[in-house]
Amino acid sequence: MMDQILLLIFATILFGVGLYALLGKRNIIKILMGIEIMTVAVNIVFIALGTDLDNRTFNQFTIVFPLISLAVGAAVMALGLAIVINNYRHVKSVDADEMATLKR
């Protein structure tokens, strides 16, 4: 029981760090890293709540959902980095405010 609470506290701290990176930064790469940190925090919550740490047993949802979530997150990051590279080629900046120039 205590291990689950510690995992939930750790996930909350990670989510806060990701939210700070998402809202407090203007660099698009740091924003994407914040989104990925938040995704990992949500996966930790699913693993913590779906695990019986006393008996060392896992629920099937606990195993499958984080794997699917990580695969979708990797695809989203690849798409986001492709957009960042395209923006950098046109504007020579990775600033989030400069993304408005892609509206041509």
N, C-alpha and C. Protein backbone atom coordinates (compact mmCIF):
# COMPACT_ATOMS: atom_id res chain seq x y z
N MET A 1 0.82 -1.20 0.00
CA MET A 1 0.00 0.00 0.00
C MET A 1 0.87 1.27 0.00
N MET A 2 1.91 1.25 0.81
CA MET A 2 2.78 2.42 0.89
C MET A 2 3.54 2.64 -0.41
N ASP A 3 3.90 1.52 -1.08
CA ASP A 3 4.61 1.66 -2.35
C ASP A 3 3.73 2.33 -3.40
N GLN A 4 2.44 2.02 -3.38
CA GLN A 4 1.53 2.65 -4.34
C GLN A 4 1.40 4.14 -4.07
N ILE A 5 1.35 4.51 -2.82
CA ILE A 5 1.26 5.94 -2.48
C ILE A 5 2.53 6.67 -2.91
N LEU A 6 3.68 6.04 -2.71
CA LEU A 6 4.93 6.67 -3.14
C LEU A 6 4.99 6.81 -4.66
N LEU A 7 4.50 5.80 -5.38
CA LEU A 7 4.45 5.90 -6.84
C LEU A 7 3.50 7.01 -7.29
N LEU A 8 2.37 7.16 -6.60
CA LEU A 8 1.43 8.22 -6.96
C LEU A 8 2.01 9.60 -6.66
N ILE A 9 2.74 9.73 -5.57
CA ILE A 9 3.39 11.00 -5.25
C ILE A 9 4.46 11.31 -6.30
N PHE A 10 5.23 10.29 -6.68
CA PHE A 10 6.25 10.47 -7.72
C PHE A 10 5.61 10.88 -9.05
N ALA A 11 4.48 10.24 -9.40
CA ALA A 11 3.80 10.59 -10.64
C ALA A 11 3.25 12.02 -10.59
N THR A 12 2.78 12.45 -9.43
CA THR A 12 2.28 13.82 -9.28
C THR A 12 3.41 14.83 -9.46
N ILE A 13 4.56 14.53 -8.89
CA ILE A 13 5.71 15.43 -9.05
C ILE A 13 6.14 15.49 -10.52
N LEU A 14 6.19 14.32 -11.17
CA LEU A 14 6.56 14.29 -12.59
C LEU A 14 5.55 15.06 -13.44
N PHE A 15 4.27 14.91 -13.13
CA PHE A 15 3.24 15.62 -13.88
C PHE A 15 3.40 17.13 -13.69
N GLY A 16 3.73 17.55 -12.47
CA GLY A 16 3.96 18.98 -12.22
C GLY A 16 5.15 19.52 -12.99
N VAL A 17 6.22 18.74 -13.06
CA VAL A 17 7.39 19.15 -13.83
C VAL A 17 7.04 19.27 -15.32
N GLY A 18 6.28 18.29 -15.82
CA GLY A 18 5.86 18.34 -17.23
C GLY A 18 4.93 19.51 -17.51
N LEU A 19 4.04 19.80 -16.56
CA LEU A 19 3.13 20.94 -16.74
C LEU A 19 3.89 22.25 -16.72
N TYR A 20 4.91 22.36 -15.86
CA TYR A 20 5.73 23.57 -15.85
C TYR A 20 6.46 23.74 -17.19
N ALA A 21 7.00 22.63 -17.71
CA ALA A 21 7.69 22.72 -19.00
C ALA A 21 6.72 23.06 -20.12
N LEU A 22 5.49 22.60 -20.00
CA LEU A 22 4.49 22.89 -21.03
C LEU A 22 4.03 24.34 -21.00
N LEU A 23 3.78 24.86 -19.81
CA LEU A 23 3.22 26.20 -19.71
C LEU A 23 4.26 27.30 -19.53
N GLY A 24 5.43 26.96 -19.01
CA GLY A 24 6.38 27.99 -18.67
C GLY A 24 7.45 28.26 -19.70
N LYS A 25 7.52 27.47 -20.73
CA LYS A 25 8.60 27.61 -21.71
C LYS A 25 8.06 28.07 -23.05
N ARG A 26 8.93 28.69 -23.84
CA ARG A 26 8.55 29.11 -25.19
C ARG A 26 9.25 28.28 -26.25
N ASN A 27 10.25 27.49 -25.87
CA ASN A 27 10.95 26.64 -26.81
C ASN A 27 10.09 25.41 -27.10
N ILE A 28 9.86 25.14 -28.37
CA ILE A 28 8.94 24.06 -28.74
C ILE A 28 9.50 22.70 -28.33
N ILE A 29 10.79 22.51 -28.39
CA ILE A 29 11.37 21.23 -28.01
C ILE A 29 11.16 20.98 -26.52
N LYS A 30 11.28 22.00 -25.70
CA LYS A 30 11.03 21.85 -24.26
C LYS A 30 9.55 21.59 -24.00
N ILE A 31 8.68 22.18 -24.78
CA ILE A 31 7.25 21.92 -24.65
C ILE A 31 6.95 20.46 -24.98
N LEU A 32 7.54 19.94 -26.05
CA LEU A 32 7.34 18.54 -26.41
C LEU A 32 7.89 17.61 -25.33
N MET A 33 9.02 17.97 -24.75
CA MET A 33 9.57 17.16 -23.66
C MET A 33 8.63 17.18 -22.45
N GLY A 34 8.01 18.31 -22.18
CA GLY A 34 7.03 18.39 -21.08
C GLY A 34 5.84 17.50 -21.32
N ILE A 35 5.36 17.46 -22.56
CA ILE A 35 4.24 16.57 -22.89
C ILE A 35 4.63 15.11 -22.68
N GLU A 36 5.83 14.75 -23.06
CA GLU A 36 6.29 13.37 -22.89
C GLU A 36 6.46 13.02 -21.41
N ILE A 37 6.93 13.95 -20.61
CA ILE A 37 7.05 13.72 -19.16
C ILE A 37 5.67 13.52 -18.54
N MET A 38 4.69 14.29 -18.98
CA MET A 38 3.33 14.13 -18.48
C MET A 38 2.75 12.77 -18.88
N THR A 39 3.07 12.30 -20.07
CA THR A 39 2.60 11.00 -20.52
C THR A 39 3.21 9.88 -19.66
N VAL A 40 4.48 10.00 -19.34
CA VAL A 40 5.13 9.00 -18.48
C VAL A 40 4.50 9.03 -17.08
N ALA A 41 4.15 10.21 -16.58
CA ALA A 41 3.52 10.30 -15.27
C ALA A 41 2.16 9.60 -15.26
N VAL A 42 1.39 9.76 -16.31
CA VAL A 42 0.09 9.08 -16.40
C VAL A 42 0.29 7.57 -16.47
N ASN A 43 1.30 7.12 -17.20
CA ASN A 43 1.58 5.69 -17.26
C ASN A 43 1.98 5.14 -15.90
N ILE A 44 2.72 5.90 -15.12
CA ILE A 44 3.10 5.47 -13.76
C ILE A 44 1.87 5.35 -12.88
N VAL A 45 0.91 6.26 -13.05
CA VAL A 45 -0.33 6.17 -12.28
C VAL A 45 -1.10 4.91 -12.64
N PHE A 46 -1.20 4.59 -13.92
CA PHE A 46 -1.89 3.37 -14.33
C PHE A 46 -1.19 2.13 -13.77
N ILE A 47 0.12 2.12 -13.80
CA ILE A 47 0.86 0.98 -13.28
C ILE A 47 0.70 0.87 -11.76
N ALA A 48 0.73 2.01 -11.07
CA ALA A 48 0.60 1.99 -9.61
C ALA A 48 -0.79 1.51 -9.18
N LEU A 49 -1.82 1.93 -9.89
CA LEU A 49 -3.17 1.57 -9.48
C LEU A 49 -3.57 0.17 -9.95
N GLY A 50 -2.93 -0.36 -10.95
CA GLY A 50 -3.28 -1.68 -11.46
C GLY A 50 -2.41 -2.79 -10.96
N THR A 51 -1.56 -2.52 -10.00
CA THR A 51 -0.62 -3.52 -9.51
C THR A 51 -0.92 -3.86 -8.07
N ASP A 52 -0.83 -5.12 -7.75
CA ASP A 52 -0.87 -5.54 -6.36
C ASP A 52 0.57 -5.79 -5.94
N LEU A 53 1.18 -4.81 -5.31
CA LEU A 53 2.60 -4.89 -5.01
C LEU A 53 2.91 -5.89 -3.90
N ASP A 54 1.93 -6.25 -3.09
CA ASP A 54 2.17 -7.24 -2.04
C ASP A 54 2.35 -8.64 -2.63
N ASN A 55 1.52 -8.97 -3.62
CA ASN A 55 1.60 -10.30 -4.25
C ASN A 55 2.41 -10.29 -5.54
N ARG A 56 2.87 -9.12 -5.95
CA ARG A 56 3.64 -8.96 -7.20
C ARG A 56 2.85 -9.45 -8.41
N THR A 57 1.57 -9.09 -8.48
CA THR A 57 0.73 -9.46 -9.62
C THR A 57 0.34 -8.21 -10.38
N PHE A 58 0.13 -8.37 -11.69
CA PHE A 58 -0.24 -7.27 -12.56
C PHE A 58 -1.59 -7.56 -13.21
N ASN A 59 -2.37 -6.54 -13.38
CA ASN A 59 -3.59 -6.62 -14.15
C ASN A 59 -3.21 -6.55 -15.64
N GLN A 60 -3.99 -7.16 -16.52
CA GLN A 60 -3.66 -7.12 -17.95
C GLN A 60 -3.71 -5.70 -18.49
N PHE A 61 -4.63 -4.90 -18.01
CA PHE A 61 -4.72 -3.50 -18.43
C PHE A 61 -3.45 -2.75 -18.05
N THR A 62 -2.88 -3.12 -16.90
CA THR A 62 -1.66 -2.47 -16.43
C THR A 62 -0.49 -2.72 -17.36
N ILE A 63 -0.49 -3.84 -18.03
CA ILE A 63 0.60 -4.18 -18.93
C ILE A 63 0.37 -3.58 -20.31
N VAL A 64 -0.85 -3.65 -20.82
CA VAL A 64 -1.12 -3.28 -22.21
C VAL A 64 -1.23 -1.77 -22.40
N PHE A 65 -1.92 -1.08 -21.51
CA PHE A 65 -2.17 0.34 -21.74
C PHE A 65 -0.89 1.18 -21.79
N PRO A 66 0.06 1.04 -20.87
CA PRO A 66 1.29 1.84 -20.99
C PRO A 66 2.08 1.56 -22.26
N LEU A 67 2.07 0.32 -22.73
CA LEU A 67 2.77 0.01 -23.98
C LEU A 67 2.13 0.73 -25.17
N ILE A 68 0.81 0.70 -25.24
CA ILE A 68 0.11 1.40 -26.32
C ILE A 68 0.31 2.90 -26.19
N SER A 69 0.26 3.40 -24.96
CA SER A 69 0.44 4.83 -24.73
C SER A 69 1.83 5.30 -25.13
N LEU A 70 2.85 4.49 -24.83
CA LEU A 70 4.21 4.86 -25.23
C LEU A 70 4.38 4.84 -26.74
N ALA A 71 3.72 3.89 -27.40
CA ALA A 71 3.81 3.83 -28.87
C ALA A 71 3.14 5.05 -29.50
N VAL A 72 1.97 5.41 -29.01
CA VAL A 72 1.27 6.59 -29.53
C VAL A 72 2.06 7.86 -29.20
N GLY A 73 2.65 7.92 -28.00
CA GLY A 73 3.47 9.07 -27.62
C GLY A 73 4.69 9.24 -28.50
N ALA A 74 5.30 8.12 -28.88
CA ALA A 74 6.46 8.20 -29.78
C ALA A 74 6.05 8.72 -31.15
N ALA A 75 4.88 8.31 -31.63
CA ALA A 75 4.40 8.82 -32.92
C ALA A 75 4.09 10.31 -32.85
N VAL A 76 3.50 10.74 -31.75
CA VAL A 76 3.19 12.16 -31.58
C VAL A 76 4.47 12.98 -31.50
N MET A 77 5.48 12.48 -30.79
CA MET A 77 6.75 13.20 -30.70
C MET A 77 7.44 13.28 -32.06
N ALA A 78 7.36 12.21 -32.84
CA ALA A 78 7.96 12.25 -34.18
C ALA A 78 7.28 13.29 -35.05
N LEU A 79 5.95 13.35 -34.98
CA LEU A 79 5.22 14.36 -35.74
C LEU A 79 5.54 15.76 -35.25
N GLY A 80 5.61 15.94 -33.93
CA GLY A 80 5.95 17.25 -33.38
C GLY A 80 7.34 17.70 -33.77
N LEU A 81 8.29 16.79 -33.73
CA LEU A 81 9.66 17.16 -34.13
C LEU A 81 9.75 17.46 -35.62
N ALA A 82 8.94 16.78 -36.44
CA ALA A 82 8.91 17.09 -37.87
C ALA A 82 8.39 18.51 -38.09
N ILE A 83 7.38 18.89 -37.33
CA ILE A 83 6.85 20.26 -37.43
C ILE A 83 7.90 21.27 -36.96
N VAL A 84 8.63 20.95 -35.90
CA VAL A 84 9.68 21.84 -35.40
C VAL A 84 10.79 22.01 -36.43
N ILE A 85 11.18 20.92 -37.07
CA ILE A 85 12.23 21.00 -38.10
C ILE A 85 11.76 21.85 -39.27
N ASN A 86 10.50 21.68 -39.68
CA ASN A 86 9.95 22.49 -40.76
C ASN A 86 9.91 23.96 -40.38
N ASN A 87 9.53 24.25 -39.16
CA ASN A 87 9.51 25.63 -38.69
C ASN A 87 10.92 26.21 -38.64
N TYR A 88 11.88 25.42 -38.21
CA TYR A 88 13.25 25.92 -38.12
C TYR A 88 13.83 26.22 -39.51
N ARG A 89 13.46 25.44 -40.51
CA ARG A 89 13.94 25.68 -41.86
C ARG A 89 13.40 26.98 -42.44
N HIS A 90 12.18 27.34 -42.07
CA HIS A 90 11.57 28.56 -42.61
C HIS A 90 11.91 29.80 -41.81
N VAL A 91 11.90 29.68 -40.49
CA VAL A 91 12.01 30.86 -39.63
C VAL A 91 13.36 30.96 -38.94
N LYS A 92 14.12 29.86 -38.88
CA LYS A 92 15.40 29.79 -38.17
C LYS A 92 15.23 30.04 -36.67
N SER A 93 14.12 29.52 -36.11
CA SER A 93 13.85 29.67 -34.69
C SER A 93 12.98 28.50 -34.23
N VAL A 94 13.12 28.13 -32.95
CA VAL A 94 12.25 27.12 -32.37
C VAL A 94 11.35 27.74 -31.31
N ASP A 95 11.11 29.03 -31.41
CA ASP A 95 10.25 29.75 -30.49
C ASP A 95 8.79 29.48 -30.84
N ALA A 96 7.97 29.30 -29.84
CA ALA A 96 6.56 28.98 -30.07
C ALA A 96 5.81 30.16 -30.70
N ASP A 97 6.24 31.38 -30.42
CA ASP A 97 5.56 32.54 -31.00
C ASP A 97 5.82 32.68 -32.49
N GLU A 98 6.91 32.12 -32.96
CA GLU A 98 7.24 32.19 -34.37
C GLU A 98 6.48 31.17 -35.21
N MET A 99 5.73 30.29 -34.57
CA MET A 99 4.98 29.26 -35.31
C MET A 99 3.85 29.89 -36.13
N ALA A 100 3.45 31.09 -35.79
CA ALA A 100 2.37 31.74 -36.54
C ALA A 100 2.77 32.06 -37.97
N THR A 101 4.05 32.09 -38.26
CA THR A 101 4.49 32.39 -39.62
C THR A 101 4.29 31.22 -40.56
N LEU A 102 3.92 30.04 -40.05
CA LEU A 102 3.66 28.89 -40.91
C LEU A 102 2.27 28.93 -41.52
N LYS A 103 1.48 29.94 -41.23
CA LYS A 103 0.10 30.02 -41.69
C LYS A 103 -0.04 30.49 -43.12
N ARG A 104 1.02 30.63 -43.86
CA ARG A 104 0.96 31.18 -45.21
C ARG A 104 -0.03 30.51 -46.10
